[in-house]
Amino acid sequence: MQRSPGRVAQENFERVQAERSRQADALLRSLEQFQKAKTQRLQATVLDYQRRLLRGEDMDIPIRRAEYELDGLAEDVDRRRGEIEGKRHVQVHDPQLLNMAVLVSGEKHTGTHLIGTEKSD
């Protein structure tokens, strides 16, 4: 039993959709791990700077920079999460005939020719 072009397209769509979803899930897990690790590192840095500030060191600028990095990290992760989610979506179109060639076996020639071309032996 031959499958219809629409059925083939649907099966391909489902296969590609499942693969993209799997890839997106893996990327999102990786992104979450990255965000968690970097957030912990930056928070530890801010705590260290605050301790140093209490000891009398001038740490206002380093603290602001680390806090700015934390804010930027959240924005970057949100942007990247949106990009990953956007890649989940697959657009499917019905198959279309884009080009065609017809092979005709000739009685005069032993080979096969394309319509519009002569093949001589």
PDB file of N, CA and C in Angstrom:
ATOM      1  N   MET A   1       0.838  -1.177   0.000  1.00  0.00           N
ATOM      2  CA  MET A   1       0.000   0.000   0.000  1.00  0.00           C
ATOM      3  C   MET A   1       0.889   1.248   0.000  1.00  0.00           C
ATOM      4  N   GLN A   2       0.626   2.107  -0.928  1.00  0.00           N
ATOM      5  CA  GLN A   2       1.425   3.316  -1.079  1.00  0.00           C
ATOM      6  C   GLN A   2       0.847   4.437  -0.214  1.00  0.00           C
ATOM      7  N   ARG A   3       1.728   5.169   0.445  1.00  0.00           N
ATOM      8  CA  ARG A   3       1.274   6.274   1.285  1.00  0.00           C
ATOM      9  C   ARG A   3       1.059   7.510   0.428  1.00  0.00           C
ATOM     10  N   SER A   4       0.054   8.283   0.782  1.00  0.00           N
ATOM     11  CA  SER A   4      -0.223   9.511   0.046  1.00  0.00           C
ATOM     12  C   SER A   4       0.836  10.560   0.389  1.00  0.00           C
ATOM     13  N   PRO A   5       1.059  11.504  -0.523  1.00  0.00           N
ATOM     14  CA  PRO A   5       2.037  12.560  -0.230  1.00  0.00           C
ATOM     15  C   PRO A   5       1.693  13.325   1.047  1.00  0.00           C
ATOM     16  N   GLY A   6       0.407  13.522   1.309  1.00  0.00           N
ATOM     17  CA  GLY A   6      -0.004  14.213   2.528  1.00  0.00           C
ATOM     18  C   GLY A   6       0.371  13.425   3.771  1.00  0.00           C
ATOM     19  N   ARG A   7       0.210  12.113   3.698  1.00  0.00           N
ATOM     20  CA  ARG A   7       0.559  11.247   4.831  1.00  0.00           C
ATOM     21  C   ARG A   7       2.074  11.247   5.059  1.00  0.00           C
ATOM     22  N   VAL A   8       2.829  11.196   3.976  1.00  0.00           N
ATOM     23  CA  VAL A   8       4.295  11.245   4.079  1.00  0.00           C
ATOM     24  C   VAL A   8       4.716  12.562   4.728  1.00  0.00           C
ATOM     25  N   ALA A   9       4.097  13.650   4.293  1.00  0.00           N
ATOM     26  CA  ALA A   9       4.423  14.960   4.864  1.00  0.00           C
ATOM     27  C   ALA A   9       4.079  14.998   6.347  1.00  0.00           C
ATOM     28  N   GLN A  10       2.939  14.428   6.723  1.00  0.00           N
ATOM     29  CA  GLN A  10       2.534  14.406   8.129  1.00  0.00           C
ATOM     30  C   GLN A  10       3.515  13.595   8.973  1.00  0.00           C
ATOM     31  N   GLU A  11       3.932  12.445   8.453  1.00  0.00           N
ATOM     32  CA  GLU A  11       4.893  11.612   9.180  1.00  0.00           C
ATOM     33  C   GLU A  11       6.231  12.326   9.339  1.00  0.00           C
ATOM     34  N   ASN A  12       6.670  13.000   8.276  1.00  0.00           N
ATOM     35  CA  ASN A  12       7.926  13.762   8.354  1.00  0.00           C
ATOM     36  C   ASN A  12       7.796  14.908   9.352  1.00  0.00           C
ATOM     37  N   PHE A  13       6.653  15.577   9.317  1.00  0.00           N
ATOM     38  CA  PHE A  13       6.399  16.664  10.257  1.00  0.00           C
ATOM     39  C   PHE A  13       6.486  16.153  11.696  1.00  0.00           C
ATOM     40  N   GLU A  14       5.828  15.048  11.985  1.00  0.00           N
ATOM     41  CA  GLU A  14       5.823  14.497  13.341  1.00  0.00           C
ATOM     42  C   GLU A  14       7.229  14.090  13.778  1.00  0.00           C
ATOM     43  N   ARG A  15       8.001  13.508  12.858  1.00  0.00           N
ATOM     44  CA  ARG A  15       9.366  13.110  13.171  1.00  0.00           C
ATOM     45  C   ARG A  15      10.237  14.328  13.470  1.00  0.00           C
ATOM     46  N   VAL A  16      10.147  15.340  12.615  1.00  0.00           N
ATOM     47  CA  VAL A  16      10.950  16.552  12.804  1.00  0.00           C
ATOM     48  C   VAL A  16      10.503  17.289  14.065  1.00  0.00           C
ATOM     49  N   GLN A  17       9.200  17.349  14.300  1.00  0.00           N
ATOM     50  CA  GLN A  17       8.674  18.024  15.490  1.00  0.00           C
ATOM     51  C   GLN A  17       9.181  17.345  16.767  1.00  0.00           C
ATOM     52  N   ALA A  18       9.150  16.023  16.784  1.00  0.00           N
ATOM     53  CA  ALA A  18       9.630  15.286  17.960  1.00  0.00           C
ATOM     54  C   ALA A  18      11.129  15.521  18.171  1.00  0.00           C
ATOM     55  N   GLU A  19      11.899  15.522  17.100  1.00  0.00           N
ATOM     56  CA  GLU A  19      13.348  15.739  17.206  1.00  0.00           C
ATOM     57  C   GLU A  19      13.653  17.154  17.691  1.00  0.00           C
ATOM     58  N   ARG A  20      12.959  18.128  17.148  1.00  0.00           N
ATOM     59  CA  ARG A  20      13.196  19.517  17.580  1.00  0.00           C
ATOM     60  C   ARG A  20      12.782  19.719  19.032  1.00  0.00           C
ATOM     61  N   SER A  21      11.711  19.075  19.424  1.00  0.00           N
ATOM     62  CA  SER A  21      11.266  19.184  20.807  1.00  0.00           C
ATOM     63  C   SER A  21      12.301  18.569  21.748  1.00  0.00           C
ATOM     64  N   ARG A  22      12.851  17.424  21.358  1.00  0.00           N
ATOM     65  CA  ARG A  22      13.878  16.766  22.164  1.00  0.00           C
ATOM     66  C   ARG A  22      15.126  17.659  22.272  1.00  0.00           C
ATOM     67  N   GLN A  23      15.532  18.242  21.154  1.00  0.00           N
ATOM     68  CA  GLN A  23      16.699  19.125  21.155  1.00  0.00           C
ATOM     69  C   GLN A  23      16.447  20.370  22.010  1.00  0.00           C
ATOM     70  N   ALA A  24      15.252  20.938  21.894  1.00  0.00           N
ATOM     71  CA  ALA A  24      14.913  22.130  22.674  1.00  0.00           C
ATOM     72  C   ALA A  24      14.918  21.812  24.166  1.00  0.00           C
ATOM     73  N   ASP A  25      14.380  20.660  24.541  1.00  0.00           N
ATOM     74  CA  ASP A  25      14.387  20.267  25.950  1.00  0.00           C
ATOM     75  C   ASP A  25      15.818  20.156  26.470  1.00  0.00           C
ATOM     76  N   ALA A  26      16.694  19.551  25.691  1.00  0.00           N
ATOM     77  CA  ALA A  26      18.094  19.407  26.104  1.00  0.00           C
ATOM     78  C   ALA A  26      18.765  20.777  26.228  1.00  0.00           C
ATOM     79  N   LEU A  27      18.508  21.662  25.277  1.00  0.00           N
ATOM     80  CA  LEU A  27      19.095  23.007  25.333  1.00  0.00           C
ATOM     81  C   LEU A  27      18.578  23.784  26.535  1.00  0.00           C
ATOM     82  N   LEU A  28      17.292  23.638  26.833  1.00  0.00           N
ATOM     83  CA  LEU A  28      16.726  24.341  27.980  1.00  0.00           C
ATOM     84  C   LEU A  28      17.309  23.820  29.297  1.00  0.00           C
ATOM     85  N   ARG A  29      17.504  22.508  29.400  1.00  0.00           N
ATOM     86  CA  ARG A  29      18.142  21.954  30.605  1.00  0.00           C
ATOM     87  C   ARG A  29      19.559  22.510  30.758  1.00  0.00           C
ATOM     88  N   SER A  30      20.289  22.543  29.672  1.00  0.00           N
ATOM     89  CA  SER A  30      21.654  23.073  29.698  1.00  0.00           C
ATOM     90  C   SER A  30      21.655  24.551  30.077  1.00  0.00           C
ATOM     91  N   LEU A  31      20.723  25.302  29.526  1.00  0.00           N
ATOM     92  CA  LEU A  31      20.619  26.732  29.827  1.00  0.00           C
ATOM     93  C   LEU A  31      20.317  26.953  31.304  1.00  0.00           C
ATOM     94  N   GLU A  32      19.414  26.148  31.851  1.00  0.00           N
ATOM     95  CA  GLU A  32      19.071  26.269  33.269  1.00  0.00           C
ATOM     96  C   GLU A  32      20.274  25.959  34.150  1.00  0.00           C
ATOM     97  N   GLN A  33      21.040  24.937  33.791  1.00  0.00           N
ATOM     98  CA  GLN A  33      22.240  24.591  34.562  1.00  0.00           C
ATOM     99  C   GLN A  33      23.259  25.725  34.503  1.00  0.00           C
ATOM    100  N   PHE A  34      23.422  26.284  33.306  1.00  0.00           N
ATOM    101  CA  PHE A  34      24.349  27.407  33.133  1.00  0.00           C
ATOM    102  C   PHE A  34      23.916  28.592  33.985  1.00  0.00           C
ATOM    103  N   GLN A  35      22.625  28.932  33.919  1.00  0.00           N
ATOM    104  CA  GLN A  35      22.123  30.068  34.668  1.00  0.00           C
ATOM    105  C   GLN A  35      22.305  29.858  36.174  1.00  0.00           C
ATOM    106  N   LYS A  36      21.997  28.676  36.637  1.00  0.00           N
ATOM    107  CA  LYS A  36      22.127  28.386  38.067  1.00  0.00           C
ATOM    108  C   LYS A  36      23.581  28.528  38.525  1.00  0.00           C
ATOM    109  N   ALA A  37      24.511  27.937  37.766  1.00  0.00           N
ATOM    110  CA  ALA A  37      25.928  27.996  38.139  1.00  0.00           C
ATOM    111  C   ALA A  37      26.453  29.428  38.108  1.00  0.00           C
ATOM    112  N   LYS A  38      26.119  30.164  37.057  1.00  0.00           N
ATOM    113  CA  LYS A  38      26.634  31.532  36.947  1.00  0.00           C
ATOM    114  C   LYS A  38      25.988  32.439  37.994  1.00  0.00           C
ATOM    115  N   THR A  39      24.721  32.232  38.280  1.00  0.00           N
ATOM    116  CA  THR A  39      24.049  33.017  39.311  1.00  0.00           C
ATOM    117  C   THR A  39      24.705  32.775  40.668  1.00  0.00           C
ATOM    118  N   GLN A  40      24.974  31.519  40.985  1.00  0.00           N
ATOM    119  CA  GLN A  40      25.625  31.203  42.257  1.00  0.00           C
ATOM    120  C   GLN A  40      27.010  31.851  42.342  1.00  0.00           C
ATOM    121  N   ARG A  41      27.743  31.808  41.238  1.00  0.00           N
ATOM    122  CA  ARG A  41      29.082  32.401  41.237  1.00  0.00           C
ATOM    123  C   ARG A  41      29.003  33.911  41.441  1.00  0.00           C
ATOM    124  N   LEU A  42      28.075  34.566  40.736  1.00  0.00           N
ATOM    125  CA  LEU A  42      27.946  36.022  40.864  1.00  0.00           C
ATOM    126  C   LEU A  42      27.441  36.417  42.253  1.00  0.00           C
ATOM    127  N   GLN A  43      26.518  35.643  42.807  1.00  0.00           N
ATOM    128  CA  GLN A  43      26.030  35.949  44.156  1.00  0.00           C
ATOM    129  C   GLN A  43      27.147  35.790  45.185  1.00  0.00           C
ATOM    130  N   ALA A  44      27.975  34.776  45.016  1.00  0.00           N
ATOM    131  CA  ALA A  44      29.115  34.587  45.917  1.00  0.00           C
ATOM    132  C   ALA A  44      30.089  35.758  45.787  1.00  0.00           C
ATOM    133  N   THR A  45      30.267  36.235  44.568  1.00  0.00           N
ATOM    134  CA  THR A  45      31.143  37.388  44.343  1.00  0.00           C
ATOM    135  C   THR A  45      30.592  38.623  45.041  1.00  0.00           C
ATOM    136  N   VAL A  46      29.278  38.847  44.925  1.00  0.00           N
ATOM    137  CA  VAL A  46      28.655  40.004  45.582  1.00  0.00           C
ATOM    138  C   VAL A  46      28.829  39.896  47.101  1.00  0.00           C
ATOM    139  N   LEU A  47      28.631  38.705  47.663  1.00  0.00           N
ATOM    140  CA  LEU A  47      28.806  38.520  49.113  1.00  0.00           C
ATOM    141  C   LEU A  47      30.252  38.810  49.535  1.00  0.00           C
ATOM    142  N   ASP A  48      31.189  38.339  48.723  1.00  0.00           N
ATOM    143  CA  ASP A  48      32.595  38.613  49.020  1.00  0.00           C
ATOM    144  C   ASP A  48      32.871  40.110  48.980  1.00  0.00           C
ATOM    145  N   TYR A  49      32.336  40.788  47.975  1.00  0.00           N
ATOM    146  CA  TYR A  49      32.530  42.235  47.869  1.00  0.00           C
ATOM    147  C   TYR A  49      31.885  42.954  49.053  1.00  0.00           C
ATOM    148  N   GLN A  50      30.716  42.472  49.500  1.00  0.00           N
ATOM    149  CA  GLN A  50      30.048  43.112  50.632  1.00  0.00           C
ATOM    150  C   GLN A  50      30.858  42.927  51.921  1.00  0.00           C
ATOM    151  N   ARG A  51      31.449  41.755  52.093  1.00  0.00           N
ATOM    152  CA  ARG A  51      32.319  41.526  53.260  1.00  0.00           C
ATOM    153  C   ARG A  51      33.511  42.481  53.225  1.00  0.00           C
ATOM    154  N   ARG A  52      34.088  42.622  52.054  1.00  0.00           N
ATOM    155  CA  ARG A  52      35.230  43.511  51.913  1.00  0.00           C
ATOM    156  C   ARG A  52      34.814  44.963  52.153  1.00  0.00           C
ATOM    157  N   LEU A  53      33.588  45.317  51.747  1.00  0.00           N
ATOM    158  CA  LEU A  53      33.062  46.657  51.977  1.00  0.00           C
ATOM    159  C   LEU A  53      32.938  46.916  53.480  1.00  0.00           C
ATOM    160  N   LEU A  54      32.475  45.898  54.227  1.00  0.00           N
ATOM    161  CA  LEU A  54      32.349  46.035  55.685  1.00  0.00           C
ATOM    162  C   LEU A  54      33.709  46.196  56.363  1.00  0.00           C
ATOM    163  N   ARG A  55      34.764  45.674  55.744  1.00  0.00           N
ATOM    164  CA  ARG A  55      36.124  45.824  56.286  1.00  0.00           C
ATOM    165  C   ARG A  55      36.730  47.181  55.919  1.00  0.00           C
ATOM    166  N   GLY A  56      35.973  47.951  55.126  1.00  0.00           N
ATOM    167  CA  GLY A  56      36.446  49.298  54.826  1.00  0.00           C
ATOM    168  C   GLY A  56      36.972  49.493  53.411  1.00  0.00           C
ATOM    169  N   GLU A  57      36.971  48.446  52.588  1.00  0.00           N
ATOM    170  CA  GLU A  57      37.449  48.598  51.209  1.00  0.00           C
ATOM    171  C   GLU A  57      36.375  49.283  50.364  1.00  0.00           C
ATOM    172  N   ASP A  58      36.829  49.971  49.343  1.00  0.00           N
ATOM    173  CA  ASP A  58      35.901  50.644  48.424  1.00  0.00           C
ATOM    174  C   ASP A  58      35.406  49.622  47.396  1.00  0.00           C
ATOM    175  N   MET A  59      34.214  49.093  47.629  1.00  0.00           N
ATOM    176  CA  MET A  59      33.686  48.017  46.785  1.00  0.00           C
ATOM    177  C   MET A  59      32.370  48.392  46.111  1.00  0.00           C
ATOM    178  N   ASP A  60      31.993  49.653  46.132  1.00  0.00           N
ATOM    179  CA  ASP A  60      30.718  50.059  45.537  1.00  0.00           C
ATOM    180  C   ASP A  60      30.648  49.721  44.044  1.00  0.00           C
ATOM    181  N   ILE A  61      31.681  50.064  43.309  1.00  0.00           N
ATOM    182  CA  ILE A  61      31.674  49.814  41.867  1.00  0.00           C
ATOM    183  C   ILE A  61      31.692  48.320  41.557  1.00  0.00           C
ATOM    184  N   PRO A  62      32.574  47.525  42.193  1.00  0.00           N
ATOM    185  CA  PRO A  62      32.523  46.084  41.908  1.00  0.00           C
ATOM    186  C   PRO A  62      31.179  45.443  42.266  1.00  0.00           C
ATOM    187  N   ILE A  63      30.549  45.889  43.347  1.00  0.00           N
ATOM    188  CA  ILE A  63      29.239  45.345  43.711  1.00  0.00           C
ATOM    189  C   ILE A  63      28.211  45.690  42.650  1.00  0.00           C
ATOM    190  N   ARG A  64      28.196  46.943  42.214  1.00  0.00           N
ATOM    191  CA  ARG A  64      27.237  47.351  41.164  1.00  0.00           C
ATOM    192  C   ARG A  64      27.476  46.582  39.876  1.00  0.00           C
ATOM    193  N   ARG A  65      28.747  46.366  39.530  1.00  0.00           N
ATOM    194  CA  ARG A  65      29.067  45.631  38.308  1.00  0.00           C
ATOM    195  C   ARG A  65      28.564  44.192  38.396  1.00  0.00           C
ATOM    196  N   ALA A  66      28.787  43.536  39.530  1.00  0.00           N
ATOM    197  CA  ALA A  66      28.327  42.153  39.706  1.00  0.00           C
ATOM    198  C   ALA A  66      26.800  42.082  39.679  1.00  0.00           C
ATOM    199  N   GLU A  67      26.135  43.057  40.304  1.00  0.00           N
ATOM    200  CA  GLU A  67      24.669  43.087  40.276  1.00  0.00           C
ATOM    201  C   GLU A  67      24.158  43.352  38.861  1.00  0.00           C
ATOM    202  N   TYR A  68      24.866  44.202  38.126  1.00  0.00           N
ATOM    203  CA  TYR A  68      24.511  44.463  36.728  1.00  0.00           C
ATOM    204  C   TYR A  68      24.652  43.178  35.895  1.00  0.00           C
ATOM    205  N   GLU A  69      25.722  42.427  36.159  1.00  0.00           N
ATOM    206  CA  GLU A  69      25.909  41.155  35.461  1.00  0.00           C
ATOM    207  C   GLU A  69      24.787  40.180  35.781  1.00  0.00           C
ATOM    208  N   LEU A  70      24.339  40.159  37.032  1.00  0.00           N
ATOM    209  CA  LEU A  70      23.213  39.287  37.409  1.00  0.00           C
ATOM    210  C   LEU A  70      21.950  39.663  36.639  1.00  0.00           C
ATOM    211  N   ASP A  71      21.666  40.959  36.572  1.00  0.00           N
ATOM    212  CA  ASP A  71      20.490  41.415  35.816  1.00  0.00           C
ATOM    213  C   ASP A  71      20.629  41.074  34.337  1.00  0.00           C
ATOM    214  N   GLY A  72      21.813  41.306  33.794  1.00  0.00           N
ATOM    215  CA  GLY A  72      22.058  40.996  32.384  1.00  0.00           C
ATOM    216  C   GLY A  72      21.945  39.513  32.104  1.00  0.00           C
ATOM    217  N   LEU A  73      22.385  38.696  33.054  1.00  0.00           N
ATOM    218  CA  LEU A  73      22.280  37.251  32.901  1.00  0.00           C
ATOM    219  C   LEU A  73      20.820  36.835  32.777  1.00  0.00           C
ATOM    220  N   ALA A  74      19.977  37.364  33.623  1.00  0.00           N
ATOM    221  CA  ALA A  74      18.548  37.026  33.573  1.00  0.00           C
ATOM    222  C   ALA A  74      17.947  37.422  32.221  1.00  0.00           C
ATOM    223  N   GLU A  75      18.307  38.601  31.741  1.00  0.00           N
ATOM    224  CA  GLU A  75      17.801  39.053  30.440  1.00  0.00           C
ATOM    225  C   GLU A  75      18.307  38.174  29.311  1.00  0.00           C
ATOM    226  N   ASP A  76      19.599  37.837  29.348  1.00  0.00           N
ATOM    227  CA  ASP A  76      20.186  36.992  28.301  1.00  0.00           C
ATOM    228  C   ASP A  76      19.559  35.600  28.299  1.00  0.00           C
ATOM    229  N   VAL A  77      19.337  35.055  29.478  1.00  0.00           N
ATOM    230  CA  VAL A  77      18.735  33.721  29.575  1.00  0.00           C
ATOM    231  C   VAL A  77      17.291  33.760  29.050  1.00  0.00           C
ATOM    232  N   ASP A  78      16.553  34.800  29.389  1.00  0.00           N
ATOM    233  CA  ASP A  78      15.178  34.921  28.886  1.00  0.00           C
ATOM    234  C   ASP A  78      15.156  35.028  27.364  1.00  0.00           C
ATOM    235  N   ARG A  79      16.077  35.813  26.818  1.00  0.00           N
ATOM    236  CA  ARG A  79      16.154  35.955  25.360  1.00  0.00           C
ATOM    237  C   ARG A  79      16.498  34.617  24.713  1.00  0.00           C
ATOM    238  N   ARG A  80      17.488  33.941  25.271  1.00  0.00           N
ATOM    239  CA  ARG A  80      17.906  32.641  24.718  1.00  0.00           C
ATOM    240  C   ARG A  80      16.797  31.605  24.851  1.00  0.00           C
ATOM    241  N   ARG A  81      16.070  31.625  25.960  1.00  0.00           N
ATOM    242  CA  ARG A  81      14.946  30.701  26.159  1.00  0.00           C
ATOM    243  C   ARG A  81      13.896  30.926  25.059  1.00  0.00           C
ATOM    244  N   GLY A  82      13.623  32.169  24.743  1.00  0.00           N
ATOM    245  CA  GLY A  82      12.667  32.482  23.676  1.00  0.00           C
ATOM    246  C   GLY A  82      13.143  31.970  22.325  1.00  0.00           C
ATOM    247  N   GLU A  83      14.443  32.109  22.050  1.00  0.00           N
ATOM    248  CA  GLU A  83      15.002  31.593  20.792  1.00  0.00           C
ATOM    249  C   GLU A  83      14.854  30.074  20.716  1.00  0.00           C
ATOM    250  N   ILE A  84      15.132  29.405  21.813  1.00  0.00           N
ATOM    251  CA  ILE A  84      15.026  27.942  21.835  1.00  0.00           C
ATOM    252  C   ILE A  84      13.586  27.509  21.639  1.00  0.00           C
ATOM    253  N   GLU A  85      12.671  28.162  22.330  1.00  0.00           N
ATOM    254  CA  GLU A  85      11.252  27.813  22.176  1.00  0.00           C
ATOM    255  C   GLU A  85      10.781  28.067  20.744  1.00  0.00           C
ATOM    256  N   GLY A  86      11.315  29.101  20.113  1.00  0.00           N
ATOM    257  CA  GLY A  86      10.954  29.397  18.729  1.00  0.00           C
ATOM    258  C   GLY A  86      11.402  28.308  17.767  1.00  0.00           C
ATOM    259  N   LYS A  87      12.487  27.617  18.102  1.00  0.00           N
ATOM    260  CA  LYS A  87      12.988  26.552  17.232  1.00  0.00           C
ATOM    261  C   LYS A  87      12.173  25.274  17.352  1.00  0.00           C
ATOM    262  N   ARG A  88      11.334  25.189  18.373  1.00  0.00           N
ATOM    263  CA  ARG A  88      10.465  24.025  18.531  1.00  0.00           C
ATOM    264  C   ARG A  88       9.436  23.924  17.411  1.00  0.00           C
ATOM    265  N   HIS A  89       9.007  25.056  16.927  1.00  0.00           N
ATOM    266  CA  HIS A  89       7.898  25.103  15.979  1.00  0.00           C
ATOM    267  C   HIS A  89       8.364  24.778  14.561  1.00  0.00           C
ATOM    268  N   VAL A  90       7.676  23.838  13.970  1.00  0.00           N
ATOM    269  CA  VAL A  90       7.997  23.393  12.620  1.00  0.00           C
ATOM    270  C   VAL A  90       6.839  23.802  11.718  1.00  0.00           C
ATOM    271  N   GLN A  91       7.177  24.382  10.599  1.00  0.00           N
ATOM    272  CA  GLN A  91       6.144  24.694   9.615  1.00  0.00           C
ATOM    273  C   GLN A  91       6.137  23.590   8.579  1.00  0.00           C
ATOM    274  N   VAL A  92       4.956  23.113   8.279  1.00  0.00           N
ATOM    275  CA  VAL A  92       4.844  22.019   7.321  1.00  0.00           C
ATOM    276  C   VAL A  92       3.993  22.493   6.145  1.00  0.00           C
ATOM    277  N   HIS A  93       4.409  22.078   4.997  1.00  0.00           N
ATOM    278  CA  HIS A  93       3.678  22.389   3.775  1.00  0.00           C
ATOM    279  C   HIS A  93       3.487  21.091   3.007  1.00  0.00           C
ATOM    280  N   ASP A  94       2.382  21.001   2.296  1.00  0.00           N
ATOM    281  CA  ASP A  94       2.157  19.815   1.475  1.00  0.00           C
ATOM    282  C   ASP A  94       3.239  19.730   0.415  1.00  0.00           C
ATOM    283  N   PRO A  95       3.602  18.515   0.057  1.00  0.00           N
ATOM    284  CA  PRO A  95       4.623  18.353  -0.989  1.00  0.00           C
ATOM    285  C   PRO A  95       4.147  18.997  -2.293  1.00  0.00           C
ATOM    286  N   GLN A  96       5.073  19.588  -2.999  1.00  0.00           N
ATOM    287  CA  GLN A  96       4.774  20.202  -4.293  1.00  0.00           C
ATOM    288  C   GLN A  96       5.740  19.638  -5.324  1.00  0.00           C
ATOM    289  N   LEU A  97       5.250  19.530  -6.516  1.00  0.00           N
ATOM    290  CA  LEU A  97       6.097  19.109  -7.620  1.00  0.00           C
ATOM    291  C   LEU A  97       6.890  20.328  -8.066  1.00  0.00           C
ATOM    292  N   LEU A  98       8.200  20.250  -7.948  1.00  0.00           N
ATOM    293  CA  LEU A  98       9.051  21.380  -8.300  1.00  0.00           C
ATOM    294  C   LEU A  98       9.694  21.219  -9.668  1.00  0.00           C
ATOM    295  N   ASN A  99       9.931  19.995 -10.073  1.00  0.00           N
ATOM    296  CA  ASN A  99      10.574  19.741 -11.347  1.00  0.00           C
ATOM    297  C   ASN A  99      10.234  18.310 -11.755  1.00  0.00           C
ATOM    298  N   MET A 100      10.317  18.029 -13.038  1.00  0.00           N
ATOM    299  CA  MET A 100       9.989  16.690 -13.476  1.00  0.00           C
ATOM    300  C   MET A 100      10.827  16.339 -14.700  1.00  0.00           C
ATOM    301  N   ALA A 101      11.219  15.117 -14.754  1.00  0.00           N
ATOM    302  CA  ALA A 101      11.912  14.588 -15.924  1.00  0.00           C
ATOM    303  C   ALA A 101      11.219  13.282 -16.301  1.00  0.00           C
ATOM    304  N   VAL A 102      11.109  13.035 -17.597  1.00  0.00           N
ATOM    305  CA  VAL A 102      10.465  11.813 -18.069  1.00  0.00           C
ATOM    306  C   VAL A 102      11.491  11.019 -18.861  1.00  0.00           C
ATOM    307  N   LEU A 103      11.618   9.771 -18.520  1.00  0.00           N
ATOM    308  CA  LEU A 103      12.527   8.893 -19.236  1.00  0.00           C
ATOM    309  C   LEU A 103      11.705   8.015 -20.169  1.00  0.00           C
ATOM    310  N   VAL A 104      12.137   7.953 -21.431  1.00  0.00           N
ATOM    311  CA  VAL A 104      11.426   7.159 -22.426  1.00  0.00           C
ATOM    312  C   VAL A 104      12.424   6.206 -23.070  1.00  0.00           C
ATOM    313  N   SER A 105      12.054   4.959 -23.118  1.00  0.00           N
ATOM    314  CA  SER A 105      12.916   3.982 -23.758  1.00  0.00           C
ATOM    315  C   SER A 105      12.596   4.008 -25.256  1.00  0.00           C
ATOM    316  N   GLY A 106      13.626   4.218 -26.067  1.00  0.00           N
ATOM    317  CA  GLY A 106      13.398   4.282 -27.505  1.00  0.00           C
ATOM    318  C   GLY A 106      13.657   2.945 -28.179  1.00  0.00           C
ATOM    319  N   GLU A 107      12.904   2.685 -29.255  1.00  0.00           N
ATOM    320  CA  GLU A 107      13.100   1.436 -29.983  1.00  0.00           C
ATOM    321  C   GLU A 107      14.353   1.486 -30.841  1.00  0.00           C
ATOM    322  N   LYS A 108      14.711   2.662 -31.395  1.00  0.00           N
ATOM    323  CA  LYS A 108      15.863   2.784 -32.263  1.00  0.00           C
ATOM    324  C   LYS A 108      17.167   2.755 -31.490  1.00  0.00           C
ATOM    325  N   HIS A 109      17.110   3.193 -30.254  1.00  0.00           N
ATOM    326  CA  HIS A 109      18.326   3.293 -29.454  1.00  0.00           C
ATOM    327  C   HIS A 109      18.271   2.292 -28.312  1.00  0.00           C
ATOM    328  N   THR A 110      19.423   1.826 -27.927  1.00  0.00           N
ATOM    329  CA  THR A 110      19.470   0.874 -26.818  1.00  0.00           C
ATOM    330  C   THR A 110      19.449   1.584 -25.469  1.00  0.00           C
ATOM    331  N   GLY A 111      19.779   2.852 -25.461  1.00  0.00           N
ATOM    332  CA  GLY A 111      19.812   3.597 -24.198  1.00  0.00           C
ATOM    333  C   GLY A 111      18.481   4.260 -23.914  1.00  0.00           C
ATOM    334  N   THR A 112      18.467   5.046 -22.878  1.00  0.00           N
ATOM    335  CA  THR A 112      17.282   5.795 -22.476  1.00  0.00           C
ATOM    336  C   THR A 112      17.577   7.261 -22.725  1.00  0.00           C
ATOM    337  N   HIS A 113      16.573   8.014 -23.163  1.00  0.00           N
ATOM    338  CA  HIS A 113      16.795   9.443 -23.370  1.00  0.00           C
ATOM    339  C   HIS A 113      15.798  10.269 -22.563  1.00  0.00           C
ATOM    340  N   LEU A 114      16.218  11.498 -22.387  1.00  0.00           N
ATOM    341  CA  LEU A 114      15.334  12.465 -21.767  1.00  0.00           C
ATOM    342  C   LEU A 114      14.561  13.158 -22.858  1.00  0.00           C
ATOM    343  N   ILE A 115      13.345  13.491 -22.584  1.00  0.00           N
ATOM    344  CA  ILE A 115      12.542  14.218 -23.580  1.00  0.00           C
ATOM    345  C   ILE A 115      13.242  15.541 -23.857  1.00  0.00           C
ATOM    346  N   GLY A 116      13.355  15.859 -25.115  1.00  0.00           N
ATOM    347  CA  GLY A 116      13.993  17.106 -25.503  1.00  0.00           C
ATOM    348  C   GLY A 116      15.481  16.957 -25.776  1.00  0.00           C
ATOM    349  N   THR A 117      16.031  15.805 -25.539  1.00  0.00           N
ATOM    350  CA  THR A 117      17.441  15.582 -25.862  1.00  0.00           C
ATOM    351  C   THR A 117      17.549  14.310 -26.668  1.00  0.00           C
ATOM    352  N   GLU A 118      18.479  14.293 -27.537  1.00  0.00           N
ATOM    353  CA  GLU A 118      18.738  13.096 -28.340  1.00  0.00           C
ATOM    354  C   GLU A 118      19.977  12.426 -27.804  1.00  0.00           C
ATOM    355  N   LYS A 119      19.926  11.157 -27.641  1.00  0.00           N
ATOM    356  CA  LYS A 119      21.089  10.408 -27.221  1.00  0.00           C
ATOM    357  C   LYS A 119      21.419   9.452 -28.348  1.00  0.00           C
ATOM    358  N   SER A 120      22.585   9.590 -28.872  1.00  0.00           N
ATOM    359  CA  SER A 120      22.948   8.694 -29.991  1.00  0.00           C
ATOM    360  C   SER A 120      24.017   7.737 -29.516  1.00  0.00           C
ATOM    361  N   ASP A 121      23.954   6.519 -30.002  1.00  0.00           N
ATOM    362  CA  ASP A 121      24.936   5.497 -29.614  1.00  0.00           C
ATOM    363  C   ASP A 121      26.005   5.349 -30.669  1.00  0.00           C
TER     364      ASP A 121
END
